Protein backbone atom coordinates (compact mmCIF):
# COMPACT_ATOMS: atom_id res chain seq x y z
CA MET A 1 60.81 -120.21 22.81
CA ILE A 2 63.80 -121.17 20.70
CA VAL A 3 64.69 -119.95 17.22
CA VAL A 4 66.36 -122.19 14.64
CA HIS A 5 67.48 -121.40 11.11
CA THR A 6 68.41 -124.76 9.56
CA ILE A 7 66.50 -127.94 8.85
CA GLN A 8 68.96 -129.98 10.89
CA ALA A 9 68.66 -127.68 13.90
CA LEU A 10 64.87 -127.87 13.70
CA GLN A 11 64.82 -131.64 13.49
CA ASP A 12 67.25 -131.87 16.41
CA ALA A 13 64.92 -129.65 18.45
CA LEU A 14 61.96 -131.87 17.56
CA LYS A 15 63.51 -135.14 18.73
CA ASN A 16 61.27 -136.90 21.24
CA LYS A 17 58.52 -134.31 20.80
CA ASN A 18 55.03 -135.80 20.75
CA GLY A 19 52.19 -133.74 19.39
CA ILE A 20 53.34 -131.01 16.98
CA ALA A 21 51.31 -128.18 15.47
CA LEU A 22 52.71 -126.11 12.61
CA VAL A 23 51.71 -122.59 11.59
CA PRO A 24 53.40 -121.61 8.30
CA THR A 25 53.82 -117.86 7.76
CA MET A 26 55.82 -115.40 5.69
CA GLY A 27 56.40 -113.22 8.73
CA ASN A 28 55.44 -109.57 9.23
CA LEU A 29 53.15 -110.96 11.88
CA HIS A 30 49.92 -109.29 12.98
CA ASP A 31 47.05 -110.23 15.28
CA GLY A 32 45.64 -112.58 12.65
CA HIS A 33 48.82 -114.64 12.77
CA LEU A 34 48.83 -114.61 16.57
CA ALA A 35 45.29 -115.99 16.53
CA LEU A 36 46.60 -118.90 14.43
CA MET A 37 49.31 -119.56 17.01
CA ALA A 38 46.80 -119.53 19.86
CA GLU A 39 44.56 -121.94 17.96
CA ALA A 40 47.51 -124.25 17.28
CA LYS A 41 48.25 -124.44 21.01
CA LYS A 42 44.78 -125.90 21.55
CA HIS A 43 45.64 -128.85 19.32
CA ALA A 44 49.18 -129.85 20.29
CA PRO A 45 51.67 -129.30 23.14
CA THR A 46 54.46 -128.19 20.79
CA VAL A 47 53.78 -125.31 18.39
CA ILE A 48 56.15 -124.44 15.56
CA ALA A 49 55.84 -121.18 13.63
CA SER A 50 57.73 -121.02 10.37
CA ILE A 51 58.76 -117.63 9.00
CA PHE A 52 59.90 -117.75 5.39
CA VAL A 53 59.22 -115.45 2.44
CA ASN A 54 58.80 -118.02 -0.32
CA ARG A 55 60.12 -116.83 -3.67
CA LEU A 56 58.35 -119.65 -5.52
CA GLN A 57 54.91 -118.14 -4.95
CA PHE A 58 55.74 -114.66 -6.24
CA GLY A 59 55.30 -113.73 -9.89
CA PRO A 60 57.94 -111.74 -11.85
CA ASN A 61 56.17 -108.40 -11.28
CA GLU A 62 55.08 -109.01 -7.69
CA ASP A 63 56.51 -107.74 -4.41
CA PHE A 64 59.02 -110.43 -3.40
CA ASP A 65 61.89 -107.97 -3.01
CA THR A 66 59.83 -105.41 -1.09
CA TYR A 67 57.71 -107.82 0.96
CA PRO A 68 58.15 -106.70 4.59
CA ARG A 69 60.70 -108.79 6.49
CA THR A 70 60.43 -108.02 10.19
CA LEU A 71 61.96 -111.02 11.93
CA GLU A 72 63.09 -109.21 15.08
CA ALA A 73 59.67 -107.65 15.66
CA ASP A 74 57.98 -110.97 14.81
CA LEU A 75 60.03 -112.81 17.41
CA GLU A 76 59.15 -110.19 20.03
CA LYS A 77 55.43 -110.65 19.34
CA LEU A 78 55.68 -114.44 19.53
CA GLU A 79 57.74 -114.34 22.71
CA LYS A 80 55.24 -112.00 24.33
CA GLN A 81 52.27 -114.14 23.32
CA GLY A 82 53.83 -117.35 24.59
CA ALA A 83 52.00 -119.84 22.39
CA VAL A 84 54.97 -120.81 20.17
CA ASP A 85 57.71 -123.17 21.32
CA ILE A 86 59.96 -123.19 18.24
CA VAL A 87 60.38 -120.65 15.44
CA PHE A 88 61.80 -122.00 12.20
CA ALA A 89 63.23 -119.05 10.25
CA PRO A 90 65.36 -120.47 7.43
CA THR A 91 67.21 -118.46 4.82
CA GLU A 92 66.48 -119.14 1.18
CA LYS A 93 69.69 -121.19 0.98
CA ASP A 94 68.57 -123.27 3.97
CA MET A 95 65.16 -123.94 2.45
CA TYR A 96 66.29 -124.36 -1.15
CA PRO A 97 69.96 -125.47 -1.12
CA GLU A 98 69.59 -126.16 -4.84
CA PRO A 99 67.03 -124.95 -7.39
CA GLN A 100 63.64 -126.49 -6.63
CA LYS A 101 62.88 -128.54 -9.73
CA PHE A 102 60.40 -130.93 -8.12
CA MET A 103 57.19 -128.93 -7.80
CA VAL A 104 53.73 -129.79 -6.48
CA GLN A 105 51.12 -128.89 -9.09
CA PRO A 106 47.59 -128.74 -7.65
CA ASP A 107 44.45 -129.70 -9.54
CA PRO A 108 44.04 -126.98 -12.22
CA ALA A 109 40.27 -126.97 -11.65
CA LEU A 110 40.98 -125.52 -8.21
CA SER A 111 44.32 -123.77 -8.66
CA GLU A 112 43.90 -121.97 -11.99
CA ILE A 113 40.73 -120.05 -11.11
CA LEU A 114 40.36 -116.88 -9.03
CA GLU A 115 43.80 -116.13 -7.51
CA GLY A 116 45.42 -118.74 -9.72
CA TYR A 117 44.08 -117.05 -12.85
CA TYR A 118 45.47 -113.65 -11.88
CA ARG A 119 48.69 -115.05 -10.37
CA PRO A 120 49.81 -117.92 -12.64
CA GLY A 121 51.99 -120.46 -10.84
CA PHE A 122 51.17 -118.97 -7.42
CA PHE A 123 49.61 -122.12 -6.02
CA ASP A 124 52.39 -124.33 -7.40
CA GLY A 125 54.76 -122.30 -5.22
CA VAL A 126 52.44 -122.41 -2.20
CA ALA A 127 51.79 -126.15 -2.44
CA THR A 128 55.48 -126.90 -2.95
CA VAL A 129 56.72 -124.95 0.07
CA VAL A 130 53.93 -126.24 2.31
CA ASN A 131 54.61 -129.81 1.19
CA LYS A 132 58.29 -129.25 1.99
CA LEU A 133 57.48 -127.83 5.43
CA PHE A 134 55.24 -130.80 6.16
CA SER A 135 58.07 -133.14 5.16
CA ILE A 136 60.61 -131.30 7.35
CA VAL A 137 58.43 -130.79 10.44
CA ARG A 138 56.10 -133.81 10.21
CA PRO A 139 53.39 -132.10 12.22
CA ASP A 140 50.27 -133.75 13.57
CA VAL A 141 48.29 -130.57 12.97
CA ALA A 142 48.71 -127.51 10.75
CA VAL A 143 46.65 -124.34 11.12
CA PHE A 144 45.69 -122.18 8.13
CA GLY A 145 43.54 -119.05 8.10
CA LYS A 146 40.40 -118.68 6.03
CA LYS A 147 41.55 -115.31 4.71
CA ASP A 148 43.48 -117.19 2.01
CA TYR A 149 40.39 -119.26 1.30
CA GLN A 150 41.50 -120.82 -1.96
CA GLN A 151 44.90 -121.67 -0.49
CA LEU A 152 43.18 -123.45 2.41
CA LYS A 153 41.10 -125.56 0.03
CA ILE A 154 44.17 -126.49 -2.03
CA ILE A 155 46.17 -127.51 1.05
CA GLN A 156 43.25 -129.57 2.36
CA LYS A 157 42.98 -131.37 -0.98
CA MET A 158 46.75 -131.93 -1.19
CA VAL A 159 46.81 -133.50 2.27
CA LYS A 160 43.85 -135.74 1.41
CA GLN A 161 45.16 -136.90 -1.96
CA PHE A 162 48.70 -137.59 -0.73
CA GLY A 163 47.38 -139.37 2.35
CA MET A 164 49.44 -137.14 4.64
CA PRO A 165 49.08 -138.12 8.30
CA LEU A 166 48.09 -134.73 9.64
CA LYS A 167 45.00 -132.67 10.35
CA ILE A 168 44.40 -129.28 8.74
CA VAL A 169 42.65 -126.90 11.13
CA PRO A 170 40.92 -123.91 9.46
CA MET A 171 40.95 -120.65 11.41
CA GLU A 172 38.29 -117.97 10.99
CA LEU A 173 39.33 -114.83 9.16
CA GLN A 174 40.52 -112.17 11.61
CA ARG A 175 39.37 -108.56 11.19
CA ASP A 176 40.12 -105.18 12.68
CA LYS A 177 37.72 -104.89 15.60
CA VAL A 178 36.69 -101.35 14.67
CA SER A 179 36.71 -101.19 10.87
CA GLY A 180 36.18 -104.84 9.94
CA LEU A 181 39.14 -104.73 7.55
CA ALA A 182 40.65 -108.18 7.04
CA LEU A 183 44.04 -108.29 8.75
CA SER A 184 46.85 -108.61 6.21
CA SER A 185 50.57 -107.95 6.03
CA ARG A 186 49.95 -105.96 2.87
CA ASN A 187 47.71 -103.47 4.71
CA ARG A 188 50.88 -101.61 5.65
CA TYR A 189 51.23 -100.60 1.99
CA LEU A 190 48.03 -98.52 2.26
CA SER A 191 48.10 -94.77 2.74
CA GLU A 192 45.97 -93.24 5.49
CA GLU A 193 43.20 -92.41 3.02
CA GLU A 194 43.40 -95.82 1.37
CA LEU A 195 43.18 -97.49 4.76
CA LYS A 196 39.88 -95.71 5.41
CA GLU A 197 38.56 -96.76 2.00
CA ALA A 198 39.86 -100.34 2.26
CA THR A 199 36.85 -101.58 4.23
CA ARG A 200 34.67 -101.06 1.16
CA LEU A 201 35.68 -104.47 -0.20
CA TYR A 202 34.28 -106.17 2.91
CA MET A 203 31.15 -103.99 2.77
CA THR A 204 30.61 -104.90 -0.87
CA LEU A 205 30.92 -108.63 -0.20
CA ASN A 206 28.48 -108.28 2.68
CA GLY A 207 26.06 -106.61 0.28
CA VAL A 208 26.22 -109.67 -1.98
CA LYS A 209 25.70 -111.89 1.07
CA ALA A 210 22.58 -109.96 2.07
CA SER A 211 21.16 -110.37 -1.44
CA LEU A 212 21.79 -114.11 -1.41
CA GLU A 213 20.19 -114.48 2.01
CA ALA A 214 17.17 -112.55 0.69
CA GLY A 215 16.79 -115.14 -2.08
CA ALA A 216 18.64 -113.65 -5.07
CA ILE A 217 19.72 -116.28 -7.61
CA ASP A 218 21.14 -114.25 -10.51
CA LEU A 219 24.80 -114.62 -9.58
CA THR A 220 26.14 -112.86 -12.67
CA ALA A 221 24.10 -109.76 -11.89
CA LEU A 222 25.21 -109.79 -8.26
CA GLU A 223 28.88 -110.17 -9.16
CA GLN A 224 28.81 -107.51 -11.88
CA SER A 225 26.98 -105.07 -9.63
CA ALA A 226 29.54 -105.57 -6.85
CA GLU A 227 32.46 -104.97 -9.21
CA LYS A 228 30.74 -101.87 -10.59
CA GLN A 229 30.31 -100.48 -7.08
CA LEU A 230 34.01 -100.92 -6.40
CA ARG A 231 34.98 -99.21 -9.66
CA GLU A 232 32.78 -96.25 -8.80
CA PHE A 233 34.94 -95.65 -5.73
CA GLY A 234 38.22 -95.90 -7.60
CA TRP A 235 38.97 -99.59 -7.08
CA GLN A 236 40.33 -101.91 -9.77
CA PRO A 237 38.53 -105.21 -9.12
CA ASP A 238 39.90 -108.49 -10.45
CA TYR A 239 36.87 -110.44 -9.36
CA VAL A 240 33.90 -110.74 -7.06
CA VAL A 241 32.68 -114.32 -7.28
CA VAL A 242 30.08 -116.45 -5.52
CA ALA A 243 31.28 -120.05 -5.19
CA ARG A 244 30.52 -123.26 -3.36
CA GLN A 245 32.58 -123.62 -0.21
CA SER A 246 33.31 -127.27 -1.01
CA ASP A 247 35.12 -126.83 -4.34
CA LEU A 248 34.96 -123.11 -5.24
CA LEU A 249 32.94 -123.88 -8.36
CA THR A 250 29.89 -121.92 -9.48
CA PRO A 251 26.77 -122.86 -7.50
CA THR A 252 23.90 -124.46 -9.37
CA ARG A 253 20.32 -123.24 -9.06
CA ASP A 254 19.64 -126.17 -6.74
CA ASP A 255 22.62 -125.17 -4.56
CA LEU A 256 21.07 -121.72 -4.16
CA LEU A 257 17.56 -122.98 -3.50
CA ASN A 258 18.82 -125.56 -1.00
CA LYS A 259 21.08 -122.99 0.66
CA GLU A 260 24.25 -125.00 0.22
CA PRO A 261 27.29 -123.43 1.96
CA LEU A 262 28.68 -120.68 -0.27
CA VAL A 263 31.53 -118.20 -0.10
CA ILE A 264 31.84 -114.79 -1.75
CA LEU A 265 35.44 -114.05 -2.73
CA GLY A 266 36.80 -110.73 -3.85
CA ALA A 267 40.12 -109.34 -5.03
CA ALA A 268 40.70 -105.72 -5.98
CA LYS A 269 43.35 -103.04 -6.05
CA ILE A 270 43.08 -99.78 -4.20
CA GLY A 271 45.89 -97.57 -5.44
CA THR A 272 48.76 -99.98 -6.00
CA THR A 273 47.81 -102.42 -3.23
CA ARG A 274 45.89 -105.57 -4.05
CA LEU A 275 43.58 -106.82 -1.30
CA ILE A 276 41.61 -110.05 -1.01
CA ASP A 277 38.68 -110.87 1.25
CA ASN A 278 35.85 -113.36 1.56
CA VAL A 279 32.55 -113.86 3.35
CA GLU A 280 30.89 -117.21 3.95
CA VAL A 281 27.14 -117.58 3.38
CA PHE A 282 24.61 -120.09 4.75
């Protein structure tokens, strides 16, 4: 495994490489990230992991400055796993040598709901950095986890609409094998007590799933009840929403009766830490 820090060094390392898979990350790697790397290795002989905390996707009051940067530990994990061939770990100056004025703005119908509503401009920053990584690396395959479900849908749509010559491979959401908590870099912000309570978000979404599978069709009642349950245990929910997997829009009555593929998405704060999770249905 080699580590490069500049675009030129990366492109030099990629000369004459056939079959490239990219896994974009912001570092602070956990087992969920390592699962993405292992999946990438199934699709291409050369796997590149990028590690870059992207300022463009953080709002003014978010945790850009305190976001955990653990490059040395990340490299140790990747080296031990053995799936990654090249790590691209640029500095901000390497990635943005001048202010990034050309931005990718996703379809508002998809990017300004859910996470985009609570984090204005977030998906502009995500789409821009991913587009830039695709341009730099020119991968044949890129692997994205389903934990960031809305992000995955936006990247898939960007690739399709720009006619980018690569395949997006979705990876199932990875959970703690004991508690079921969705693996996340932000879990380290949780206190011991909060960590025990954090699984309630997943449990609540599963409760909505069970109701849908039993034939419930009053989505508003289901969503409001789920948010109420979270509040009763001290959470501050932003949303619990049932949406179509295809476009994240509200399912119609026919969608529910025909059991079209749905996803339940939730975002809520426990203490000062905001967690997201999702559960697919049908």
